[in-house]
N, C-alpha and C. Protein backbone atom coordinates (compact mmCIF):
# COMPACT_ATOMS: atom_id res chain seq x y z
N MET A 1 111.88 -11.13 -90.52
CA MET A 1 111.01 -11.01 -91.67
C MET A 1 109.99 -9.91 -91.38
N SER A 2 109.77 -9.04 -92.33
CA SER A 2 108.82 -7.95 -92.12
C SER A 2 107.40 -8.47 -92.22
N LYS A 3 106.49 -7.70 -91.63
CA LYS A 3 105.08 -8.10 -91.65
C LYS A 3 104.56 -8.22 -93.08
N ALA A 4 105.06 -7.37 -93.99
CA ALA A 4 104.62 -7.41 -95.39
C ALA A 4 105.03 -8.71 -96.06
N ASN A 5 106.16 -9.31 -95.61
CA ASN A 5 106.64 -10.55 -96.21
C ASN A 5 106.24 -11.78 -95.42
N ALA A 6 105.56 -11.58 -94.30
CA ALA A 6 105.16 -12.71 -93.47
C ALA A 6 104.12 -13.55 -94.20
N PRO A 7 104.21 -14.86 -94.06
CA PRO A 7 103.21 -15.70 -94.72
C PRO A 7 101.82 -15.47 -94.13
N GLN A 8 100.82 -15.58 -94.98
CA GLN A 8 99.44 -15.43 -94.53
C GLN A 8 99.04 -16.65 -93.70
N PRO A 9 98.23 -16.43 -92.69
CA PRO A 9 97.68 -17.58 -91.95
C PRO A 9 96.82 -18.43 -92.90
N PRO A 10 96.69 -19.72 -92.63
CA PRO A 10 95.94 -20.61 -93.52
C PRO A 10 94.53 -20.15 -93.83
N VAL A 11 93.79 -19.66 -92.83
CA VAL A 11 92.41 -19.22 -93.09
C VAL A 11 92.40 -18.08 -94.10
N GLU A 12 93.34 -17.16 -93.96
CA GLU A 12 93.40 -16.04 -94.89
C GLU A 12 93.78 -16.50 -96.29
N ARG A 13 94.61 -17.52 -96.40
CA ARG A 13 94.95 -18.06 -97.73
C ARG A 13 93.72 -18.70 -98.38
N VAL A 14 92.92 -19.41 -97.57
CA VAL A 14 91.69 -20.00 -98.12
C VAL A 14 90.72 -18.91 -98.54
N GLU A 15 90.61 -17.85 -97.74
CA GLU A 15 89.73 -16.73 -98.11
C GLU A 15 90.22 -16.06 -99.40
N ALA A 16 91.54 -15.97 -99.57
CA ALA A 16 92.09 -15.40 -100.81
C ALA A 16 91.75 -16.30 -101.99
N LEU A 17 91.82 -17.61 -101.80
CA LEU A 17 91.44 -18.54 -102.86
C LEU A 17 89.96 -18.38 -103.20
N TYR A 18 89.14 -18.24 -102.18
CA TYR A 18 87.70 -18.02 -102.40
C TYR A 18 87.49 -16.78 -103.27
N THR A 19 88.16 -15.69 -102.92
CA THR A 19 88.04 -14.45 -103.70
C THR A 19 88.48 -14.67 -105.14
N GLU A 20 89.56 -15.40 -105.32
CA GLU A 20 90.05 -15.72 -106.67
C GLU A 20 89.02 -16.54 -107.45
N LEU A 21 88.41 -17.52 -106.79
CA LEU A 21 87.40 -18.33 -107.45
C LEU A 21 86.17 -17.50 -107.83
N VAL A 22 85.74 -16.61 -106.94
CA VAL A 22 84.61 -15.74 -107.25
C VAL A 22 84.93 -14.92 -108.49
N GLN A 23 86.13 -14.38 -108.55
CA GLN A 23 86.53 -13.60 -109.72
C GLN A 23 86.57 -14.47 -110.97
N HIS A 24 86.97 -15.72 -110.82
CA HIS A 24 87.01 -16.65 -111.95
C HIS A 24 85.62 -16.83 -112.58
N TYR A 25 84.60 -16.83 -111.74
CA TYR A 25 83.24 -17.00 -112.24
C TYR A 25 82.67 -15.71 -112.83
N GLY A 26 83.41 -14.61 -112.74
CA GLY A 26 83.00 -13.36 -113.36
C GLY A 26 81.61 -12.93 -112.91
N ASP A 27 80.75 -12.70 -113.87
CA ASP A 27 79.38 -12.27 -113.58
C ASP A 27 78.42 -13.46 -113.55
N GLY A 28 78.97 -14.66 -113.41
CA GLY A 28 78.15 -15.87 -113.44
C GLY A 28 77.13 -15.92 -112.32
N ASP A 29 76.10 -16.71 -112.56
CA ASP A 29 75.02 -16.89 -111.60
C ASP A 29 75.56 -17.55 -110.34
N GLN A 30 75.23 -17.02 -109.19
CA GLN A 30 75.60 -17.58 -107.88
C GLN A 30 77.11 -17.83 -107.75
N ARG A 31 77.90 -16.89 -108.24
CA ARG A 31 79.34 -17.10 -108.25
C ARG A 31 79.92 -17.31 -106.85
N GLU A 32 79.41 -16.61 -105.84
CA GLU A 32 79.91 -16.79 -104.48
C GLU A 32 79.60 -18.18 -103.96
N LEU A 33 78.39 -18.65 -104.22
CA LEU A 33 78.00 -19.98 -103.79
C LEU A 33 78.80 -21.05 -104.52
N ARG A 34 79.02 -20.87 -105.79
CA ARG A 34 79.80 -21.83 -106.57
C ARG A 34 81.24 -21.90 -106.07
N ALA A 35 81.82 -20.75 -105.76
CA ALA A 35 83.19 -20.72 -105.24
C ALA A 35 83.26 -21.42 -103.89
N ALA A 36 82.31 -21.13 -103.01
CA ALA A 36 82.28 -21.78 -101.69
C ALA A 36 82.09 -23.28 -101.83
N ALA A 37 81.25 -23.71 -102.76
CA ALA A 37 81.00 -25.13 -102.97
C ALA A 37 82.27 -25.85 -103.42
N LYS A 38 83.06 -25.21 -104.27
CA LYS A 38 84.31 -25.84 -104.73
C LYS A 38 85.24 -26.07 -103.55
N ILE A 39 85.39 -25.06 -102.71
CA ILE A 39 86.26 -25.20 -101.54
C ILE A 39 85.72 -26.25 -100.59
N LEU A 40 84.41 -26.27 -100.39
CA LEU A 40 83.79 -27.25 -99.51
C LEU A 40 83.99 -28.67 -100.02
N LEU A 41 83.84 -28.89 -101.31
CA LEU A 41 84.03 -30.24 -101.86
C LEU A 41 85.45 -30.75 -101.61
N VAL A 42 86.43 -29.90 -101.84
CA VAL A 42 87.82 -30.31 -101.60
C VAL A 42 88.04 -30.54 -100.11
N ALA A 43 87.51 -29.64 -99.28
CA ALA A 43 87.67 -29.77 -97.84
C ALA A 43 87.04 -31.06 -97.32
N LEU A 44 85.85 -31.38 -97.80
CA LEU A 44 85.19 -32.62 -97.36
C LEU A 44 85.99 -33.85 -97.77
N ALA A 45 86.52 -33.85 -98.97
CA ALA A 45 87.33 -34.98 -99.43
C ALA A 45 88.56 -35.14 -98.54
N LYS A 46 89.22 -34.04 -98.21
CA LYS A 46 90.41 -34.10 -97.36
C LYS A 46 90.04 -34.45 -95.93
N PHE A 47 88.91 -33.97 -95.47
CA PHE A 47 88.45 -34.28 -94.11
C PHE A 47 88.25 -35.79 -93.98
N GLN A 48 87.60 -36.39 -94.96
CA GLN A 48 87.37 -37.83 -94.93
C GLN A 48 88.70 -38.59 -95.04
N GLU A 49 89.54 -38.14 -95.94
CA GLU A 49 90.81 -38.82 -96.20
C GLU A 49 91.72 -38.82 -94.96
N HIS A 50 91.76 -37.71 -94.26
CA HIS A 50 92.71 -37.57 -93.16
C HIS A 50 92.07 -37.57 -91.77
N GLY A 51 90.75 -37.67 -91.71
CA GLY A 51 90.06 -37.55 -90.43
C GLY A 51 89.95 -38.81 -89.61
N GLY A 52 90.41 -39.91 -90.14
CA GLY A 52 90.33 -41.15 -89.39
C GLY A 52 88.91 -41.70 -89.36
N PRO A 53 88.71 -42.73 -88.56
CA PRO A 53 87.41 -43.41 -88.55
C PRO A 53 86.26 -42.56 -88.01
N HIS A 54 86.57 -41.50 -87.31
CA HIS A 54 85.51 -40.69 -86.71
C HIS A 54 85.37 -39.34 -87.40
N TRP A 55 85.69 -39.31 -88.70
CA TRP A 55 85.62 -38.03 -89.41
C TRP A 55 84.19 -37.51 -89.53
N ALA A 56 83.22 -38.39 -89.74
CA ALA A 56 81.84 -37.94 -89.95
C ALA A 56 81.24 -37.33 -88.67
N PRO A 57 81.37 -37.96 -87.50
CA PRO A 57 80.85 -37.32 -86.29
C PRO A 57 81.52 -35.97 -85.99
N LEU A 58 82.82 -35.87 -86.28
CA LEU A 58 83.51 -34.61 -86.06
C LEU A 58 82.96 -33.54 -87.01
N LEU A 59 82.72 -33.92 -88.25
CA LEU A 59 82.12 -32.99 -89.20
C LEU A 59 80.73 -32.57 -88.72
N ASP A 60 79.94 -33.52 -88.25
CA ASP A 60 78.61 -33.20 -87.71
C ASP A 60 78.71 -32.23 -86.54
N GLU A 61 79.74 -32.39 -85.72
CA GLU A 61 79.92 -31.50 -84.57
C GLU A 61 80.17 -30.06 -85.04
N TYR A 62 81.02 -29.89 -86.05
CA TYR A 62 81.27 -28.55 -86.58
C TYR A 62 79.99 -27.94 -87.17
N ILE A 63 79.24 -28.74 -87.89
CA ILE A 63 78.00 -28.24 -88.50
C ILE A 63 77.00 -27.88 -87.40
N ASP A 64 76.92 -28.70 -86.37
CA ASP A 64 76.02 -28.42 -85.26
C ASP A 64 76.39 -27.10 -84.56
N ILE A 65 77.69 -26.89 -84.36
CA ILE A 65 78.13 -25.63 -83.75
C ILE A 65 77.72 -24.46 -84.63
N LEU A 66 77.93 -24.57 -85.92
CA LEU A 66 77.56 -23.50 -86.84
C LEU A 66 76.06 -23.21 -86.79
N LYS A 67 75.24 -24.26 -86.72
CA LYS A 67 73.79 -24.08 -86.68
C LYS A 67 73.31 -23.49 -85.35
N ARG A 68 73.82 -24.04 -84.25
CA ARG A 68 73.28 -23.72 -82.93
C ARG A 68 73.98 -22.55 -82.22
N ASP A 69 75.24 -22.33 -82.57
CA ASP A 69 76.01 -21.28 -81.87
C ASP A 69 76.94 -20.58 -82.87
N PRO A 70 76.36 -19.79 -83.78
CA PRO A 70 77.18 -19.15 -84.81
C PRO A 70 78.27 -18.24 -84.24
N GLU A 71 78.03 -17.65 -83.07
CA GLU A 71 79.06 -16.80 -82.47
C GLU A 71 80.28 -17.64 -82.07
N ARG A 72 80.03 -18.81 -81.51
CA ARG A 72 81.15 -19.70 -81.16
C ARG A 72 81.89 -20.14 -82.41
N PHE A 73 81.14 -20.47 -83.45
CA PHE A 73 81.78 -20.88 -84.70
C PHE A 73 82.66 -19.74 -85.23
N GLN A 74 82.17 -18.53 -85.15
CA GLN A 74 82.95 -17.37 -85.61
C GLN A 74 84.22 -17.22 -84.78
N ARG A 75 84.11 -17.44 -83.47
CA ARG A 75 85.31 -17.38 -82.61
C ARG A 75 86.31 -18.46 -82.99
N MET A 76 85.80 -19.65 -83.30
CA MET A 76 86.68 -20.74 -83.73
C MET A 76 87.40 -20.36 -85.02
N LEU A 77 86.65 -19.80 -85.95
CA LEU A 77 87.24 -19.39 -87.22
C LEU A 77 88.30 -18.32 -86.99
N GLU A 78 87.98 -17.33 -86.17
CA GLU A 78 88.93 -16.25 -85.88
C GLU A 78 90.18 -16.77 -85.18
N SER A 79 90.01 -17.74 -84.28
CA SER A 79 91.17 -18.28 -83.57
C SER A 79 92.09 -19.03 -84.52
N ASN A 80 91.58 -19.46 -85.64
CA ASN A 80 92.39 -20.18 -86.62
C ASN A 80 93.06 -19.25 -87.61
N ARG A 81 93.06 -17.97 -87.33
CA ARG A 81 93.80 -17.02 -88.15
C ARG A 81 95.24 -16.87 -87.65
N ALA A 82 95.64 -17.74 -86.75
CA ALA A 82 96.99 -17.68 -86.20
C ALA A 82 98.03 -17.85 -87.30
N THR A 83 99.20 -17.30 -87.06
CA THR A 83 100.27 -17.40 -88.04
C THR A 83 101.21 -18.56 -87.76
N THR A 84 101.18 -19.09 -86.55
CA THR A 84 102.01 -20.25 -86.23
C THR A 84 101.14 -21.30 -85.55
N PRO A 85 101.51 -22.58 -85.67
CA PRO A 85 100.67 -23.64 -85.08
C PRO A 85 100.44 -23.48 -83.59
N ASP A 86 101.41 -22.94 -82.84
CA ASP A 86 101.21 -22.82 -81.40
C ASP A 86 100.32 -21.65 -81.01
N GLU A 87 99.90 -20.84 -81.97
CA GLU A 87 98.94 -19.77 -81.70
C GLU A 87 97.50 -20.23 -81.88
N LEU A 88 97.30 -21.41 -82.43
CA LEU A 88 95.94 -21.90 -82.68
C LEU A 88 95.23 -22.23 -81.38
N LEU A 89 93.97 -21.81 -81.31
CA LEU A 89 93.18 -22.08 -80.11
C LEU A 89 92.13 -23.15 -80.34
N ALA A 90 91.75 -23.37 -81.58
CA ALA A 90 90.70 -24.36 -81.87
C ALA A 90 91.20 -25.38 -82.85
């Protein structure tokens, strides 16, 4: 399969959805924030649904990393741009 036909990594697909949502809001007020909020709401619902009994502490851990060590969070995000599950680092 050529690189042009290769499936996008999941993070890139979510970013493409975000861009599509921003465009959907056109010139609306806070369109970027509204688009991010939509994705976050769905993500939180799925996190709770599939995260097991310890979903909330795990969510708190991710938020804490983002607050206290944004560079680490960025590395985690970048590592999740893998194209296959065995390439994932975080």
